[in-house]
């Protein structure tokens, strides 16, 4: 996928640098990006529904990410 705000040369350089990373580094980056996405989603949900308790927010996150929540079934 080509980023709209990145030149072709910059994108090729970025891909080349990523190819040089060790598997452990790539895994660490993926985990970090996943954690960031989860935090960002939670913050957005919290701003839309400030009335939710932490437990209800957790349930809503499970519903949105996985389509189910054991507590709600």
PDB file of N, CA and C in Angstrom:
ATOM      1  N   UNK A   1       0.840  -1.160   0.000  1.00  0.00           N
ATOM      2  CA  UNK A   1       0.000   0.000   0.000  1.00  0.00           C
ATOM      3  C   UNK A   1       0.898   1.241   0.000  1.00  0.00           C
ATOM      4  N   UNK A   2       0.628   2.154  -0.879  1.00  0.00           N
ATOM      5  CA  UNK A   2       1.407   3.373  -0.986  1.00  0.00           C
ATOM      6  C   UNK A   2       0.780   4.465  -0.131  1.00  0.00           C
ATOM      7  N   UNK A   3       1.619   5.099   0.693  1.00  0.00           N
ATOM      8  CA  UNK A   3       1.136   6.209   1.513  1.00  0.00           C
ATOM      9  C   UNK A   3       0.980   7.441   0.632  1.00  0.00           C
ATOM     10  N   UNK A   4      -0.062   8.184   0.856  1.00  0.00           N
ATOM     11  CA  UNK A   4      -0.326   9.361   0.030  1.00  0.00           C
ATOM     12  C   UNK A   4       0.649  10.499   0.302  1.00  0.00           C
ATOM     13  N   UNK A   5       1.222  10.530   1.510  1.00  0.00           N
ATOM     14  CA  UNK A   5       2.095  11.644   1.865  1.00  0.00           C
ATOM     15  C   UNK A   5       3.580  11.290   1.806  1.00  0.00           C
ATOM     16  N   UNK A   6       3.912  10.162   1.168  1.00  0.00           N
ATOM     17  CA  UNK A   6       5.298   9.705   1.097  1.00  0.00           C
ATOM     18  C   UNK A   6       5.708   9.541  -0.361  1.00  0.00           C
ATOM     19  N   UNK A   7       6.866  10.093  -0.676  1.00  0.00           N
ATOM     20  CA  UNK A   7       7.348   9.956  -2.050  1.00  0.00           C
ATOM     21  C   UNK A   7       7.746   8.502  -2.308  1.00  0.00           C
ATOM     22  N   UNK A   8       7.811   8.142  -3.565  1.00  0.00           N
ATOM     23  CA  UNK A   8       8.183   6.774  -3.938  1.00  0.00           C
ATOM     24  C   UNK A   8       9.585   6.445  -3.445  1.00  0.00           C
ATOM     25  N   UNK A   9      10.511   7.390  -3.585  1.00  0.00           N
ATOM     26  CA  UNK A   9      11.888   7.156  -3.133  1.00  0.00           C
ATOM     27  C   UNK A   9      11.947   6.935  -1.623  1.00  0.00           C
ATOM     28  N   UNK A  10      11.220   7.753  -0.883  1.00  0.00           N
ATOM     29  CA  UNK A  10      11.209   7.614   0.579  1.00  0.00           C
ATOM     30  C   UNK A  10      10.571   6.289   0.985  1.00  0.00           C
ATOM     31  N   UNK A  11       9.524   5.899   0.293  1.00  0.00           N
ATOM     32  CA  UNK A  11       8.851   4.636   0.593  1.00  0.00           C
ATOM     33  C   UNK A  11       9.774   3.446   0.325  1.00  0.00           C
ATOM     34  N   UNK A  12      10.498   3.473  -0.782  1.00  0.00           N
ATOM     35  CA  UNK A  12      11.430   2.391  -1.102  1.00  0.00           C
ATOM     36  C   UNK A  12      12.534   2.296  -0.059  1.00  0.00           C
ATOM     37  N   UNK A  13      13.037   3.447   0.394  1.00  0.00           N
ATOM     38  CA  UNK A  13      14.066   3.464   1.428  1.00  0.00           C
ATOM     39  C   UNK A  13      13.516   2.887   2.736  1.00  0.00           C
ATOM     40  N   UNK A  14      12.322   3.273   3.070  1.00  0.00           N
ATOM     41  CA  UNK A  14      11.702   2.759   4.291  1.00  0.00           C
ATOM     42  C   UNK A  14      11.543   1.237   4.224  1.00  0.00           C
ATOM     43  N   UNK A  15      11.067   0.727   3.109  1.00  0.00           N
ATOM     44  CA  UNK A  15      10.924  -0.728   2.951  1.00  0.00           C
ATOM     45  C   UNK A  15      12.277  -1.429   3.050  1.00  0.00           C
ATOM     46  N   UNK A  16      13.295  -0.843   2.446  1.00  0.00           N
ATOM     47  CA  UNK A  16      14.637  -1.441   2.501  1.00  0.00           C
ATOM     48  C   UNK A  16      15.148  -1.480   3.942  1.00  0.00           C
ATOM     49  N   UNK A  17      14.940  -0.416   4.680  1.00  0.00           N
ATOM     50  CA  UNK A  17      15.368  -0.393   6.086  1.00  0.00           C
ATOM     51  C   UNK A  17      14.611  -1.435   6.904  1.00  0.00           C
ATOM     52  N   UNK A  18      13.322  -1.560   6.662  1.00  0.00           N
ATOM     53  CA  UNK A  18      12.531  -2.554   7.392  1.00  0.00           C
ATOM     54  C   UNK A  18      12.965  -3.970   7.064  1.00  0.00           C
ATOM     55  N   UNK A  19      13.369  -4.214   5.833  1.00  0.00           N
ATOM     56  CA  UNK A  19      13.839  -5.554   5.445  1.00  0.00           C
ATOM     57  C   UNK A  19      15.100  -5.942   6.209  1.00  0.00           C
ATOM     58  N   UNK A  20      15.871  -4.950   6.610  1.00  0.00           N
ATOM     59  CA  UNK A  20      17.125  -5.218   7.319  1.00  0.00           C
ATOM     60  C   UNK A  20      16.916  -5.509   8.808  1.00  0.00           C
ATOM     61  N   UNK A  21      15.769  -5.198   9.333  1.00  0.00           N
ATOM     62  CA  UNK A  21      15.500  -5.453  10.744  1.00  0.00           C
ATOM     63  C   UNK A  21      15.485  -6.950  11.008  1.00  0.00           C
ATOM     64  N   UNK A  22      15.895  -7.310  12.202  1.00  0.00           N
ATOM     65  CA  UNK A  22      15.820  -8.720  12.599  1.00  0.00           C
ATOM     66  C   UNK A  22      14.353  -9.070  12.842  1.00  0.00           C
ATOM     67  N   UNK A  23      14.032 -10.352  12.805  1.00  0.00           N
ATOM     68  CA  UNK A  23      12.657 -10.754  13.125  1.00  0.00           C
ATOM     69  C   UNK A  23      12.223 -10.251  14.507  1.00  0.00           C
ATOM     70  N   UNK A  24      13.122 -10.276  15.469  1.00  0.00           N
ATOM     71  CA  UNK A  24      12.780  -9.804  16.814  1.00  0.00           C
ATOM     72  C   UNK A  24      12.442  -8.314  16.811  1.00  0.00           C
ATOM     73  N   UNK A  25      13.169  -7.537  16.044  1.00  0.00           N
ATOM     74  CA  UNK A  25      12.898  -6.103  15.949  1.00  0.00           C
ATOM     75  C   UNK A  25      11.557  -5.862  15.271  1.00  0.00           C
ATOM     76  N   UNK A  26      11.284  -6.602  14.196  1.00  0.00           N
ATOM     77  CA  UNK A  26       9.999  -6.446  13.509  1.00  0.00           C
ATOM     78  C   UNK A  26       8.841  -6.832  14.419  1.00  0.00           C
ATOM     79  N   UNK A  27       9.021  -7.896  15.202  1.00  0.00           N
ATOM     80  CA  UNK A  27       7.986  -8.310  16.142  1.00  0.00           C
ATOM     81  C   UNK A  27       7.771  -7.233  17.211  1.00  0.00           C
ATOM     82  N   UNK A  28       8.843  -6.686  17.743  1.00  0.00           N
ATOM     83  CA  UNK A  28       8.731  -5.640  18.760  1.00  0.00           C
ATOM     84  C   UNK A  28       8.004  -4.418  18.198  1.00  0.00           C
ATOM     85  N   UNK A  29       8.304  -4.063  16.958  1.00  0.00           N
ATOM     86  CA  UNK A  29       7.624  -2.924  16.319  1.00  0.00           C
ATOM     87  C   UNK A  29       6.140  -3.214  16.143  1.00  0.00           C
ATOM     88  N   UNK A  30       5.813  -4.424  15.740  1.00  0.00           N
ATOM     89  CA  UNK A  30       4.416  -4.796  15.534  1.00  0.00           C
ATOM     90  C   UNK A  30       3.647  -4.744  16.862  1.00  0.00           C
ATOM     91  N   UNK A  31       4.262  -5.236  17.915  1.00  0.00           N
ATOM     92  CA  UNK A  31       3.617  -5.200  19.230  1.00  0.00           C
ATOM     93  C   UNK A  31       3.411  -3.757  19.674  1.00  0.00           C
ATOM     94  N   UNK A  32       4.421  -2.933  19.483  1.00  0.00           N
ATOM     95  CA  UNK A  32       4.318  -1.523  19.866  1.00  0.00           C
ATOM     96  C   UNK A  32       3.203  -0.816  19.090  1.00  0.00           C
ATOM     97  N   UNK A  33       3.114  -1.072  17.789  1.00  0.00           N
ATOM     98  CA  UNK A  33       2.058  -0.455  16.980  1.00  0.00           C
ATOM     99  C   UNK A  33       0.679  -0.954  17.407  1.00  0.00           C
ATOM    100  N   UNK A  34       0.580  -2.234  17.743  1.00  0.00           N
ATOM    101  CA  UNK A  34      -0.687  -2.793  18.188  1.00  0.00           C
ATOM    102  C   UNK A  34      -1.124  -2.165  19.508  1.00  0.00           C
ATOM    103  N   UNK A  35      -0.195  -2.025  20.436  1.00  0.00           N
ATOM    104  CA  UNK A  35      -0.503  -1.396  21.720  1.00  0.00           C
ATOM    105  C   UNK A  35      -0.940   0.053  21.528  1.00  0.00           C
ATOM    106  N   UNK A  36      -0.260   0.767  20.637  1.00  0.00           N
ATOM    107  CA  UNK A  36      -0.624   2.152  20.355  1.00  0.00           C
ATOM    108  C   UNK A  36      -2.036   2.237  19.774  1.00  0.00           C
ATOM    109  N   UNK A  37      -2.350   1.346  18.844  1.00  0.00           N
ATOM    110  CA  UNK A  37      -3.684   1.346  18.231  1.00  0.00           C
ATOM    111  C   UNK A  37      -4.757   1.056  19.269  1.00  0.00           C
ATOM    112  N   UNK A  38      -4.480   0.122  20.173  1.00  0.00           N
ATOM    113  CA  UNK A  38      -5.429  -0.204  21.236  1.00  0.00           C
ATOM    114  C   UNK A  38      -5.648   0.998  22.161  1.00  0.00           C
ATOM    115  N   UNK A  39      -4.557   1.670  22.549  1.00  0.00           N
ATOM    116  CA  UNK A  39      -4.666   2.842  23.422  1.00  0.00           C
ATOM    117  C   UNK A  39      -5.428   3.969  22.729  1.00  0.00           C
ATOM    118  N   UNK A  40      -5.152   4.168  21.461  1.00  0.00           N
ATOM    119  CA  UNK A  40      -5.828   5.209  20.705  1.00  0.00           C
ATOM    120  C   UNK A  40      -7.319   4.898  20.580  1.00  0.00           C
ATOM    121  N   UNK A  41      -7.654   3.651  20.308  1.00  0.00           N
ATOM    122  CA  UNK A  41      -9.059   3.242  20.212  1.00  0.00           C
ATOM    123  C   UNK A  41      -9.766   3.416  21.553  1.00  0.00           C
ATOM    124  N   UNK A  42      -9.104   3.033  22.624  1.00  0.00           N
ATOM    125  CA  UNK A  42      -9.696   3.162  23.954  1.00  0.00           C
ATOM    126  C   UNK A  42      -9.924   4.631  24.298  1.00  0.00           C
ATOM    127  N   UNK A  43      -8.967   5.484  23.986  1.00  0.00           N
ATOM    128  CA  UNK A  43      -9.120   6.913  24.261  1.00  0.00           C
ATOM    129  C   UNK A  43     -10.276   7.506  23.458  1.00  0.00           C
ATOM    130  N   UNK A  44     -10.415   7.087  22.206  1.00  0.00           N
ATOM    131  CA  UNK A  44     -11.523   7.560  21.378  1.00  0.00           C
ATOM    132  C   UNK A  44     -12.863   7.105  21.924  1.00  0.00           C
ATOM    133  N   UNK A  45     -12.923   5.849  22.331  1.00  0.00           N
ATOM    134  CA  UNK A  45     -14.153   5.316  22.909  1.00  0.00           C
ATOM    135  C   UNK A  45     -14.479   6.027  24.221  1.00  0.00           C
ATOM    136  N   UNK A  46     -13.459   6.280  25.030  1.00  0.00           N
ATOM    137  CA  UNK A  46     -13.645   6.985  26.297  1.00  0.00           C
ATOM    138  C   UNK A  46     -14.183   8.401  26.052  1.00  0.00           C
ATOM    139  N   UNK A  47     -13.665   9.084  25.026  1.00  0.00           N
ATOM    140  CA  UNK A  47     -14.137  10.444  24.750  1.00  0.00           C
ATOM    141  C   UNK A  47     -15.578  10.450  24.233  1.00  0.00           C
ATOM    142  N   UNK A  48     -15.978   9.387  23.537  1.00  0.00           N
ATOM    143  CA  UNK A  48     -17.350   9.281  23.040  1.00  0.00           C
ATOM    144  C   UNK A  48     -18.327   8.865  24.138  1.00  0.00           C
ATOM    145  N   UNK A  49     -17.815   8.115  25.125  1.00  0.00           N
ATOM    146  CA  UNK A  49     -18.676   7.579  26.193  1.00  0.00           C
ATOM    147  C   UNK A  49     -18.002   7.756  27.553  1.00  0.00           C
ATOM    148  N   UNK A  50     -17.899   8.985  28.027  1.00  0.00           N
ATOM    149  CA  UNK A  50     -17.215   9.212  29.311  1.00  0.00           C
ATOM    150  C   UNK A  50     -17.935   8.585  30.499  1.00  0.00           C
ATOM    151  N   UNK A  51     -19.188   8.217  30.318  1.00  0.00           N
ATOM    152  CA  UNK A  51     -19.961   7.631  31.410  1.00  0.00           C
ATOM    153  C   UNK A  51     -19.614   6.165  31.677  1.00  0.00           C
ATOM    154  N   UNK A  52     -18.917   5.512  30.759  1.00  0.00           N
ATOM    155  CA  UNK A  52     -18.611   4.091  30.921  1.00  0.00           C
ATOM    156  C   UNK A  52     -17.582   3.871  32.031  1.00  0.00           C
ATOM    157  N   UNK A  53     -17.838   2.858  32.846  1.00  0.00           N
ATOM    158  CA  UNK A  53     -16.844   2.447  33.838  1.00  0.00           C
ATOM    159  C   UNK A  53     -15.702   1.758  33.092  1.00  0.00           C
ATOM    160  N   UNK A  54     -14.593   1.554  33.781  1.00  0.00           N
ATOM    161  CA  UNK A  54     -13.470   0.854  33.143  1.00  0.00           C
ATOM    162  C   UNK A  54     -13.877  -0.546  32.704  1.00  0.00           C
ATOM    163  N   UNK A  55     -14.684  -1.219  33.523  1.00  0.00           N
ATOM    164  CA  UNK A  55     -15.126  -2.581  33.174  1.00  0.00           C
ATOM    165  C   UNK A  55     -16.000  -2.572  31.914  1.00  0.00           C
ATOM    166  N   UNK A  56     -16.916  -1.611  31.827  1.00  0.00           N
ATOM    167  CA  UNK A  56     -17.769  -1.529  30.635  1.00  0.00           C
ATOM    168  C   UNK A  56     -16.960  -1.108  29.412  1.00  0.00           C
ATOM    169  N   UNK A  57     -15.971  -0.269  29.627  1.00  0.00           N
ATOM    170  CA  UNK A  57     -15.093   0.131  28.525  1.00  0.00           C
ATOM    171  C   UNK A  57     -14.314  -1.080  28.008  1.00  0.00           C
ATOM    172  N   UNK A  58     -13.844  -1.909  28.930  1.00  0.00           N
ATOM    173  CA  UNK A  58     -13.157  -3.148  28.536  1.00  0.00           C
ATOM    174  C   UNK A  58     -14.078  -4.040  27.707  1.00  0.00           C
ATOM    175  N   UNK A  59     -15.329  -4.170  28.144  1.00  0.00           N
ATOM    176  CA  UNK A  59     -16.289  -4.988  27.414  1.00  0.00           C
ATOM    177  C   UNK A  59     -16.537  -4.436  26.017  1.00  0.00           C
ATOM    178  N   UNK A  60     -16.687  -3.135  25.914  1.00  0.00           N
ATOM    179  CA  UNK A  60     -16.923  -2.513  24.608  1.00  0.00           C
ATOM    180  C   UNK A  60     -15.722  -2.697  23.685  1.00  0.00           C
ATOM    181  N   UNK A  61     -14.539  -2.622  24.252  1.00  0.00           N
ATOM    182  CA  UNK A  61     -13.326  -2.840  23.445  1.00  0.00           C
ATOM    183  C   UNK A  61     -13.308  -4.273  22.910  1.00  0.00           C
ATOM    184  N   UNK A  62     -13.652  -5.250  23.755  1.00  0.00           N
ATOM    185  CA  UNK A  62     -13.703  -6.640  23.299  1.00  0.00           C
ATOM    186  C   UNK A  62     -14.719  -6.811  22.184  1.00  0.00           C
ATOM    187  N   UNK A  63     -15.868  -6.183  22.332  1.00  0.00           N
ATOM    188  CA  UNK A  63     -16.892  -6.264  21.286  1.00  0.00           C
ATOM    189  C   UNK A  63     -16.388  -5.678  19.973  1.00  0.00           C
ATOM    190  N   UNK A  64     -15.737  -4.541  20.056  1.00  0.00           N
ATOM    191  CA  UNK A  64     -15.278  -3.886  18.829  1.00  0.00           C
ATOM    192  C   UNK A  64     -14.128  -4.624  18.161  1.00  0.00           C
ATOM    193  N   UNK A  65     -13.212  -5.158  18.956  1.00  0.00           N
ATOM    194  CA  UNK A  65     -12.047  -5.830  18.371  1.00  0.00           C
ATOM    195  C   UNK A  65     -12.322  -7.272  17.973  1.00  0.00           C
ATOM    196  N   UNK A  66     -13.131  -7.979  18.778  1.00  0.00           N
ATOM    197  CA  UNK A  66     -13.296  -9.407  18.550  1.00  0.00           C
ATOM    198  C   UNK A  66     -14.729  -9.830  18.238  1.00  0.00           C
ATOM    199  N   UNK A  67     -15.669  -8.894  18.366  1.00  0.00           N
ATOM    200  CA  UNK A  67     -17.046  -9.192  18.020  1.00  0.00           C
ATOM    201  C   UNK A  67     -17.840  -9.905  19.103  1.00  0.00           C
ATOM    202  N   UNK A  68     -17.225 -10.118  20.270  1.00  0.00           N
ATOM    203  CA  UNK A  68     -17.955 -10.748  21.361  1.00  0.00           C
ATOM    204  C   UNK A  68     -17.334 -10.347  22.685  1.00  0.00           C
ATOM    205  N   UNK A  69     -18.103 -10.559  23.725  1.00  0.00           N
ATOM    206  CA  UNK A  69     -17.617 -10.340  25.086  1.00  0.00           C
ATOM    207  C   UNK A  69     -18.355 -11.343  25.967  1.00  0.00           C
ATOM    208  N   UNK A  70     -17.640 -12.210  26.650  1.00  0.00           N
ATOM    209  CA  UNK A  70     -18.245 -13.268  27.450  1.00  0.00           C
ATOM    210  C   UNK A  70     -19.209 -12.721  28.491  1.00  0.00           C
ATOM    211  N   UNK A  71     -18.902 -11.550  29.057  1.00  0.00           N
ATOM    212  CA  UNK A  71     -19.757 -10.965  30.097  1.00  0.00           C
ATOM    213  C   UNK A  71     -21.110 -10.535  29.554  1.00  0.00           C
ATOM    214  N   UNK A  72     -21.211 -10.304  28.262  1.00  0.00           N
ATOM    215  CA  UNK A  72     -22.453  -9.817  27.660  1.00  0.00           C
ATOM    216  C   UNK A  72     -23.307 -10.925  27.063  1.00  0.00           C
ATOM    217  N   UNK A  73     -22.810 -12.137  27.056  1.00  0.00           N
ATOM    218  CA  UNK A  73     -23.570 -13.221  26.423  1.00  0.00           C
ATOM    219  C   UNK A  73     -24.539 -13.871  27.357  1.00  0.00           C
TER     220      UNK A  73
END
